Amino acid sequence: MAKLEVKDFKEFRALEGRAFPPGDWLTVTQGMIDDFAKATMDFQWIHTDVEKAKKHSPFKKPVAHGFMSLALLSGMLGDVICVRSSKMGVNYGLNKVRFPSPVLVDSRLRLRVNFVGIKDYGDKGLKITWHCTVEIEGSRKPACVAEFVSLMFE
């Protein structure tokens, strides 16, 4: 799906409350899961031991870390919308996060998002509260639902 592009903060503000088009599908590979395990030092076998997961996991394959779904939000959000006048954006925090469904290796994820709040932040910034749902292709339940807060500066 094509990324939504807007010229500046004025055009961006006009989108408040509207849902954006869904993002592109992203396949979660074992390599991504292993890299996330290395970065977070979380090597629980359910994530990293393919053979043990096949034998002992109720899912019969490795499962991505819940926090991996959360960590993907920034990149996935950048694939959904671009504000051309923005010089930079940073993560500000999270208000609510849930992981309703596990993400099995080789699952495909995409982001559905809208922003539910927007405020001025300093002289040239915005503080945006996003409602994010990370969908799993073919699943009734999402991988992650989060109220994500970010800052954007012109």
N, C-alpha and C. Protein backbone atom coordinates (compact mmCIF):
# COMPACT_ATOMS: atom_id res chain seq x y z
N MET A 1 0.85 -1.18 0.00
CA MET A 1 0.00 0.00 0.00
C MET A 1 0.89 1.24 0.00
N ALA A 2 0.50 2.26 -0.70
CA ALA A 2 1.30 3.48 -0.79
C ALA A 2 1.24 4.25 0.52
N LYS A 3 2.38 4.80 0.89
CA LYS A 3 2.48 5.61 2.09
C LYS A 3 1.70 6.91 1.89
N LEU A 4 0.99 7.34 2.93
CA LEU A 4 0.30 8.62 2.90
C LEU A 4 1.32 9.71 3.15
N GLU A 5 1.40 10.67 2.26
CA GLU A 5 2.34 11.78 2.43
C GLU A 5 1.57 13.08 2.55
N VAL A 6 1.96 13.88 3.54
CA VAL A 6 1.38 15.21 3.71
C VAL A 6 2.52 16.22 3.74
N LYS A 7 2.20 17.44 3.36
CA LYS A 7 3.22 18.48 3.20
C LYS A 7 3.79 18.95 4.53
N ASP A 8 2.92 19.25 5.49
CA ASP A 8 3.41 19.89 6.72
C ASP A 8 2.48 19.58 7.89
N PHE A 9 2.78 20.18 9.03
CA PHE A 9 2.01 19.92 10.24
C PHE A 9 0.56 20.36 10.10
N LYS A 10 0.32 21.43 9.35
CA LYS A 10 -1.06 21.90 9.16
C LYS A 10 -1.89 20.81 8.46
N GLU A 11 -1.36 20.24 7.38
CA GLU A 11 -2.07 19.16 6.69
C GLU A 11 -2.20 17.92 7.58
N PHE A 12 -1.15 17.66 8.34
CA PHE A 12 -1.16 16.51 9.24
C PHE A 12 -2.25 16.65 10.30
N ARG A 13 -2.35 17.83 10.92
CA ARG A 13 -3.37 18.06 11.95
C ARG A 13 -4.78 17.83 11.43
N ALA A 14 -5.01 18.12 10.17
CA ALA A 14 -6.34 17.95 9.57
C ALA A 14 -6.76 16.48 9.52
N LEU A 15 -5.82 15.57 9.72
CA LEU A 15 -6.12 14.14 9.68
C LEU A 15 -6.50 13.58 11.05
N GLU A 16 -6.51 14.42 12.08
CA GLU A 16 -6.78 13.92 13.44
C GLU A 16 -8.10 13.15 13.49
N GLY A 17 -8.03 11.96 14.11
CA GLY A 17 -9.20 11.12 14.28
C GLY A 17 -9.48 10.18 13.12
N ARG A 18 -8.85 10.43 11.98
CA ARG A 18 -9.06 9.56 10.81
C ARG A 18 -8.12 8.37 10.85
N ALA A 19 -8.61 7.26 10.36
CA ALA A 19 -7.75 6.08 10.23
C ALA A 19 -6.90 6.23 8.98
N PHE A 20 -5.66 5.81 9.07
CA PHE A 20 -4.76 5.82 7.92
C PHE A 20 -4.90 4.50 7.17
N PRO A 21 -4.46 4.47 5.92
CA PRO A 21 -4.47 3.18 5.20
C PRO A 21 -3.56 2.19 5.95
N PRO A 22 -3.87 0.91 5.89
CA PRO A 22 -2.99 -0.06 6.57
C PRO A 22 -1.61 -0.09 5.93
N GLY A 23 -0.63 -0.47 6.73
CA GLY A 23 0.73 -0.57 6.23
C GLY A 23 0.92 -1.83 5.40
N ASP A 24 2.12 -1.98 4.88
CA ASP A 24 2.49 -3.17 4.11
C ASP A 24 2.70 -4.35 5.05
N TRP A 25 2.52 -5.54 4.53
CA TRP A 25 2.78 -6.75 5.30
C TRP A 25 4.29 -6.92 5.48
N LEU A 26 4.68 -7.37 6.66
CA LEU A 26 6.06 -7.64 7.03
C LEU A 26 6.15 -9.06 7.57
N THR A 27 7.03 -9.87 7.00
CA THR A 27 7.19 -11.24 7.46
C THR A 27 8.21 -11.28 8.60
N VAL A 28 7.82 -11.90 9.71
CA VAL A 28 8.70 -12.05 10.88
C VAL A 28 9.49 -13.34 10.71
N THR A 29 10.77 -13.21 10.49
CA THR A 29 11.63 -14.36 10.24
C THR A 29 12.34 -14.81 11.52
N GLN A 30 12.88 -16.02 11.48
CA GLN A 30 13.66 -16.50 12.62
C GLN A 30 14.90 -15.63 12.83
N GLY A 31 15.47 -15.16 11.74
CA GLY A 31 16.62 -14.26 11.86
C GLY A 31 16.29 -12.99 12.62
N MET A 32 15.12 -12.41 12.35
CA MET A 32 14.69 -11.22 13.08
C MET A 32 14.51 -11.53 14.57
N ILE A 33 13.88 -12.67 14.85
CA ILE A 33 13.65 -13.07 16.24
C ILE A 33 14.99 -13.28 16.95
N ASP A 34 15.93 -13.95 16.30
CA ASP A 34 17.25 -14.18 16.89
C ASP A 34 17.98 -12.86 17.13
N ASP A 35 17.90 -11.95 16.18
CA ASP A 35 18.54 -10.64 16.35
C ASP A 35 17.92 -9.87 17.52
N PHE A 36 16.59 -9.95 17.66
CA PHE A 36 15.93 -9.28 18.77
C PHE A 36 16.35 -9.91 20.10
N ALA A 37 16.48 -11.22 20.11
CA ALA A 37 16.95 -11.91 21.32
C ALA A 37 18.33 -11.41 21.72
N LYS A 38 19.22 -11.28 20.74
CA LYS A 38 20.57 -10.77 21.02
C LYS A 38 20.52 -9.34 21.55
N ALA A 39 19.71 -8.51 20.94
CA ALA A 39 19.63 -7.11 21.36
C ALA A 39 19.07 -6.95 22.77
N THR A 40 18.14 -7.83 23.15
CA THR A 40 17.48 -7.70 24.46
C THR A 40 17.99 -8.69 25.49
N MET A 41 18.87 -9.60 25.05
CA MET A 41 19.41 -10.66 25.92
C MET A 41 18.32 -11.56 26.48
N ASP A 42 17.25 -11.74 25.71
CA ASP A 42 16.15 -12.63 26.09
C ASP A 42 16.20 -13.85 25.17
N PHE A 43 16.85 -14.91 25.67
CA PHE A 43 17.07 -16.10 24.86
C PHE A 43 16.16 -17.27 25.27
N GLN A 44 14.99 -16.96 25.81
CA GLN A 44 14.08 -18.04 26.19
C GLN A 44 13.87 -18.96 24.98
N TRP A 45 13.88 -20.26 25.22
CA TRP A 45 13.85 -21.25 24.14
C TRP A 45 12.64 -21.11 23.23
N ILE A 46 11.53 -20.64 23.74
CA ILE A 46 10.31 -20.52 22.92
C ILE A 46 10.55 -19.58 21.72
N HIS A 47 11.55 -18.70 21.86
CA HIS A 47 11.89 -17.76 20.78
C HIS A 47 13.01 -18.27 19.89
N THR A 48 14.02 -18.89 20.48
CA THR A 48 15.27 -19.10 19.75
C THR A 48 15.64 -20.56 19.45
N ASP A 49 15.03 -21.50 20.11
CA ASP A 49 15.38 -22.91 19.89
C ASP A 49 14.31 -23.57 19.01
N VAL A 50 14.59 -23.60 17.73
CA VAL A 50 13.61 -24.09 16.74
C VAL A 50 13.22 -25.54 17.02
N GLU A 51 14.18 -26.38 17.26
CA GLU A 51 13.90 -27.81 17.47
C GLU A 51 13.10 -28.04 18.76
N LYS A 52 13.48 -27.36 19.83
CA LYS A 52 12.75 -27.52 21.09
C LYS A 52 11.32 -26.98 20.96
N ALA A 53 11.16 -25.88 20.23
CA ALA A 53 9.83 -25.33 20.01
C ALA A 53 8.96 -26.32 19.23
N LYS A 54 9.53 -26.97 18.22
CA LYS A 54 8.78 -27.97 17.44
C LYS A 54 8.29 -29.10 18.35
N LYS A 55 9.12 -29.48 19.31
CA LYS A 55 8.80 -30.61 20.19
C LYS A 55 7.90 -30.23 21.36
N HIS A 56 8.18 -29.10 21.99
CA HIS A 56 7.57 -28.81 23.29
C HIS A 56 6.60 -27.62 23.33
N SER A 57 6.62 -26.80 22.32
CA SER A 57 5.73 -25.63 22.33
C SER A 57 4.33 -26.03 21.87
N PRO A 58 3.31 -25.47 22.47
CA PRO A 58 1.95 -25.73 21.97
C PRO A 58 1.75 -25.18 20.55
N PHE A 59 2.62 -24.28 20.12
CA PHE A 59 2.52 -23.68 18.79
C PHE A 59 3.30 -24.45 17.73
N LYS A 60 4.20 -25.35 18.17
CA LYS A 60 5.01 -26.20 17.30
C LYS A 60 6.02 -25.44 16.44
N LYS A 61 6.26 -24.20 16.77
CA LYS A 61 7.29 -23.39 16.11
C LYS A 61 7.65 -22.23 17.02
N PRO A 62 8.77 -21.56 16.78
CA PRO A 62 9.15 -20.42 17.62
C PRO A 62 8.14 -19.28 17.56
N VAL A 63 8.13 -18.52 18.62
CA VAL A 63 7.25 -17.37 18.78
C VAL A 63 8.12 -16.12 18.97
N ALA A 64 7.77 -15.05 18.28
CA ALA A 64 8.49 -13.78 18.46
C ALA A 64 8.21 -13.22 19.85
N HIS A 65 9.15 -12.48 20.36
CA HIS A 65 8.98 -11.79 21.64
C HIS A 65 7.81 -10.80 21.51
N GLY A 66 7.00 -10.69 22.55
CA GLY A 66 5.93 -9.70 22.51
C GLY A 66 6.48 -8.30 22.29
N PHE A 67 7.60 -8.00 22.97
CA PHE A 67 8.18 -6.67 22.83
C PHE A 67 8.74 -6.42 21.43
N MET A 68 8.96 -7.47 20.67
CA MET A 68 9.39 -7.28 19.28
C MET A 68 8.26 -6.63 18.48
N SER A 69 7.04 -7.08 18.69
CA SER A 69 5.89 -6.46 18.02
C SER A 69 5.81 -4.98 18.34
N LEU A 70 6.09 -4.66 19.58
CA LEU A 70 6.07 -3.27 20.03
C LEU A 70 7.22 -2.48 19.40
N ALA A 71 8.40 -3.08 19.37
CA ALA A 71 9.58 -2.40 18.82
C ALA A 71 9.43 -2.11 17.33
N LEU A 72 8.61 -2.88 16.65
CA LEU A 72 8.40 -2.66 15.21
C LEU A 72 7.51 -1.45 14.91
N LEU A 73 6.84 -0.91 15.94
CA LEU A 73 5.88 0.18 15.69
C LEU A 73 6.49 1.38 14.98
N SER A 74 7.64 1.85 15.43
CA SER A 74 8.23 3.05 14.82
C SER A 74 8.47 2.87 13.33
N GLY A 75 9.09 1.77 12.95
CA GLY A 75 9.35 1.52 11.53
C GLY A 75 8.08 1.32 10.74
N MET A 76 7.13 0.60 11.34
CA MET A 76 5.87 0.36 10.63
C MET A 76 5.10 1.67 10.45
N LEU A 77 5.16 2.53 11.45
CA LEU A 77 4.48 3.82 11.37
C LEU A 77 5.10 4.67 10.25
N GLY A 78 6.43 4.62 10.14
CA GLY A 78 7.11 5.35 9.07
C GLY A 78 6.75 4.83 7.69
N ASP A 79 6.29 3.59 7.61
CA ASP A 79 5.84 3.04 6.33
C ASP A 79 4.40 3.43 5.99
N VAL A 80 3.68 3.96 6.99
CA VAL A 80 2.27 4.34 6.78
C VAL A 80 2.14 5.80 6.41
N ILE A 81 2.88 6.68 7.10
CA ILE A 81 2.71 8.12 6.86
C ILE A 81 4.05 8.84 6.89
N CYS A 82 4.14 9.88 6.07
CA CYS A 82 5.32 10.74 6.02
C CYS A 82 4.85 12.19 6.03
N VAL A 83 5.37 12.97 6.95
CA VAL A 83 5.14 14.42 6.97
C VAL A 83 6.42 15.04 6.42
N ARG A 84 6.35 15.56 5.20
CA ARG A 84 7.57 16.00 4.50
C ARG A 84 8.32 17.10 5.23
N SER A 85 7.63 17.95 5.96
CA SER A 85 8.31 19.05 6.65
C SER A 85 8.98 18.61 7.95
N SER A 86 8.72 17.40 8.38
CA SER A 86 9.29 16.91 9.63
C SER A 86 10.80 16.72 9.52
N LYS A 87 11.52 17.26 10.47
CA LYS A 87 12.98 17.12 10.52
C LYS A 87 13.39 15.88 11.29
N MET A 88 12.59 15.51 12.30
CA MET A 88 12.89 14.31 13.09
C MET A 88 11.69 13.94 13.95
N GLY A 89 11.69 12.68 14.36
CA GLY A 89 10.67 12.19 15.27
C GLY A 89 11.34 11.32 16.32
N VAL A 90 10.77 11.28 17.50
CA VAL A 90 11.30 10.44 18.58
C VAL A 90 10.14 9.78 19.32
N ASN A 91 10.44 8.63 19.91
CA ASN A 91 9.47 7.96 20.76
C ASN A 91 9.38 8.72 22.08
N TYR A 92 8.17 8.92 22.57
CA TYR A 92 7.96 9.63 23.82
C TYR A 92 7.51 8.66 24.92
N GLY A 93 6.75 7.64 24.53
CA GLY A 93 6.31 6.67 25.53
C GLY A 93 5.08 5.92 25.09
N LEU A 94 4.55 5.18 26.02
CA LEU A 94 3.37 4.35 25.79
C LEU A 94 2.39 4.55 26.92
N ASN A 95 1.11 4.60 26.60
CA ASN A 95 0.09 4.69 27.63
C ASN A 95 -0.51 3.33 27.94
N LYS A 96 -0.75 2.55 26.91
CA LYS A 96 -1.37 1.23 27.08
C LYS A 96 -0.76 0.28 26.06
N VAL A 97 -0.48 -0.95 26.50
CA VAL A 97 0.05 -1.97 25.59
C VAL A 97 -0.53 -3.32 25.97
N ARG A 98 -0.96 -4.07 24.96
CA ARG A 98 -1.42 -5.45 25.17
C ARG A 98 -0.91 -6.31 24.02
N PHE A 99 -0.69 -7.60 24.31
CA PHE A 99 -0.25 -8.57 23.31
C PHE A 99 -1.28 -9.70 23.24
N PRO A 100 -2.41 -9.48 22.53
CA PRO A 100 -3.50 -10.45 22.53
C PRO A 100 -3.19 -11.81 21.90
N SER A 101 -2.25 -11.85 20.96
CA SER A 101 -1.99 -13.11 20.26
C SER A 101 -0.50 -13.26 19.99
N PRO A 102 0.02 -14.49 20.12
CA PRO A 102 1.43 -14.70 19.82
C PRO A 102 1.72 -14.56 18.32
N VAL A 103 2.94 -14.18 18.01
CA VAL A 103 3.40 -14.06 16.63
C VAL A 103 4.33 -15.24 16.36
N LEU A 104 3.87 -16.19 15.57
CA LEU A 104 4.68 -17.34 15.22
C LEU A 104 5.67 -16.96 14.13
N VAL A 105 6.82 -17.62 14.13
CA VAL A 105 7.81 -17.37 13.09
C VAL A 105 7.15 -17.52 11.72
N ASP A 106 7.53 -16.68 10.79
CA ASP A 106 7.02 -16.61 9.42
C ASP A 106 5.61 -16.02 9.30
N SER A 107 5.08 -15.49 10.42
CA SER A 107 3.81 -14.75 10.36
C SER A 107 4.03 -13.44 9.62
N ARG A 108 2.94 -12.93 9.06
CA ARG A 108 3.00 -11.62 8.41
C ARG A 108 2.20 -10.63 9.25
N LEU A 109 2.81 -9.48 9.50
CA LEU A 109 2.22 -8.42 10.32
C LEU A 109 2.03 -7.17 9.49
N ARG A 110 1.04 -6.37 9.88
CA ARG A 110 0.91 -5.03 9.32
C ARG A 110 0.29 -4.13 10.37
N LEU A 111 0.47 -2.84 10.19
CA LEU A 111 -0.01 -1.84 11.14
C LEU A 111 -1.27 -1.16 10.63
N ARG A 112 -2.23 -1.06 11.53
CA ARG A 112 -3.39 -0.17 11.34
C ARG A 112 -3.28 0.89 12.41
N VAL A 113 -3.41 2.15 12.01
CA VAL A 113 -3.16 3.24 12.95
C VAL A 113 -4.04 4.45 12.65
N ASN A 114 -4.35 5.16 13.72
CA ASN A 114 -4.93 6.50 13.60
C ASN A 114 -4.40 7.29 14.79
N PHE A 115 -4.45 8.60 14.70
CA PHE A 115 -4.01 9.31 15.89
C PHE A 115 -5.20 9.87 16.62
N VAL A 116 -5.13 9.74 17.93
CA VAL A 116 -6.26 10.08 18.78
C VAL A 116 -6.03 11.36 19.56
N GLY A 117 -4.84 11.91 19.46
CA GLY A 117 -4.54 13.17 20.14
C GLY A 117 -3.33 13.82 19.53
N ILE A 118 -3.39 15.14 19.49
CA ILE A 118 -2.25 15.89 18.97
C ILE A 118 -2.17 17.22 19.72
N LYS A 119 -0.97 17.55 20.17
CA LYS A 119 -0.76 18.79 20.92
C LYS A 119 0.53 19.43 20.45
N ASP A 120 0.59 20.76 20.58
CA ASP A 120 1.86 21.43 20.32
C ASP A 120 2.86 20.99 21.37
N TYR A 121 4.12 20.93 20.95
CA TYR A 121 5.20 20.54 21.86
C TYR A 121 6.37 21.49 21.59
N GLY A 122 6.59 22.42 22.51
CA GLY A 122 7.63 23.42 22.30
C GLY A 122 7.29 24.33 21.13
N ASP A 123 8.32 24.94 20.55
CA ASP A 123 8.11 25.89 19.47
C ASP A 123 7.81 25.25 18.12
N LYS A 124 8.45 24.12 17.83
CA LYS A 124 8.34 23.55 16.49
C LYS A 124 7.97 22.08 16.52
N GLY A 125 7.30 21.63 17.58
CA GLY A 125 7.02 20.22 17.69
C GLY A 125 5.56 19.89 17.91
N LEU A 126 5.26 18.63 17.73
CA LEU A 126 3.95 18.07 18.02
C LEU A 126 4.14 16.84 18.90
N LYS A 127 3.22 16.66 19.82
CA LYS A 127 3.15 15.41 20.59
C LYS A 127 1.90 14.69 20.10
N ILE A 128 2.11 13.49 19.54
CA ILE A 128 1.03 12.75 18.90
C ILE A 128 0.77 11.47 19.66
N THR A 129 -0.50 11.21 19.94
CA THR A 129 -0.90 9.93 20.53
C THR A 129 -1.57 9.12 19.44
N TRP A 130 -0.97 7.97 19.18
CA TRP A 130 -1.42 7.07 18.11
C TRP A 130 -2.12 5.86 18.71
N HIS A 131 -3.18 5.42 18.09
CA HIS A 131 -3.77 4.12 18.45
C HIS A 131 -3.29 3.14 17.39
N CYS A 132 -2.48 2.17 17.83
CA CYS A 132 -1.83 1.23 16.92
C CYS A 132 -2.34 -0.19 17.13
N THR A 133 -2.64 -0.85 16.05
CA THR A 133 -2.99 -2.27 16.08
C THR A 133 -2.10 -2.99 15.08
N VAL A 134 -1.30 -3.94 15.59
CA VAL A 134 -0.44 -4.75 14.73
C VAL A 134 -1.20 -6.03 14.44
N GLU A 135 -1.67 -6.14 13.20
CA GLU A 135 -2.46 -7.29 12.78
C GLU A 135 -1.57 -8.46 12.38
N ILE A 136 -2.08 -9.66 12.57
CA ILE A 136 -1.44 -10.87 12.08
C ILE A 136 -2.31 -11.40 10.95
N GLU A 137 -1.71 -11.60 9.79
CA GLU A 137 -2.48 -12.09 8.65
C GLU A 137 -3.16 -13.41 9.00
N GLY A 138 -4.47 -13.48 8.78
CA GLY A 138 -5.24 -14.69 9.01
C GLY A 138 -5.67 -14.92 10.45
N SER A 139 -5.40 -13.99 11.34
CA SER A 139 -5.76 -14.15 12.76
C SER A 139 -6.86 -13.16 13.15
N ARG A 140 -7.78 -13.64 13.98
CA ARG A 140 -8.83 -12.77 14.51
C ARG A 140 -8.25 -11.75 15.48
N LYS A 141 -7.25 -12.19 16.24
CA LYS A 141 -6.66 -11.34 17.27
C LYS A 141 -5.36 -10.71 16.78
N PRO A 142 -5.12 -9.46 17.17
CA PRO A 142 -3.87 -8.80 16.77
C PRO A 142 -2.69 -9.26 17.63
N ALA A 143 -1.50 -8.99 17.13
CA ALA A 143 -0.27 -9.27 17.87
C ALA A 143 -0.08 -8.27 19.00
N CYS A 144 -0.41 -7.02 18.72
CA CYS A 144 -0.16 -5.94 19.68
C CYS A 144 -1.19 -4.83 19.46
N VAL A 145 -1.67 -4.29 20.57
CA VAL A 145 -2.51 -3.10 20.54
C VAL A 145 -1.86 -2.12 21.51
N ALA A 146 -1.57 -0.92 21.03
CA ALA A 146 -0.84 0.02 21.88
C ALA A 146 -1.27 1.45 21.63
N GLU A 147 -1.27 2.22 22.70
CA GLU A 147 -1.40 3.66 22.58
C GLU A 147 0.02 4.20 22.70
N PHE A 148 0.52 4.64 21.58
CA PHE A 148 1.93 5.03 21.41
C PHE A 148 2.01 6.55 21.29
N VAL A 149 2.94 7.16 22.01
CA VAL A 149 3.10 8.61 22.00
C VAL A 149 4.46 8.94 21.37
N SER A 150 4.44 9.83 20.39
CA SER A 150 5.69 10.24 19.75
C SER A 150 5.75 11.75 19.64
N LEU A 151 6.95 12.23 19.42
CA LEU A 151 7.19 13.66 19.16
C LEU A 151 7.69 13.81 17.74
N MET A 152 7.26 14.88 17.08
CA MET A 152 7.70 15.18 15.72
C MET A 152 8.06 16.67 15.67
N PHE A 153 9.14 16.98 14.99
CA PHE A 153 9.62 18.37 14.95
C PHE A 153 9.83 18.84 13.52
N GLU A 154 9.44 20.12 13.26
CA GLU A 154 9.68 20.75 11.96
C GLU A 154 10.96 21.56 12.07
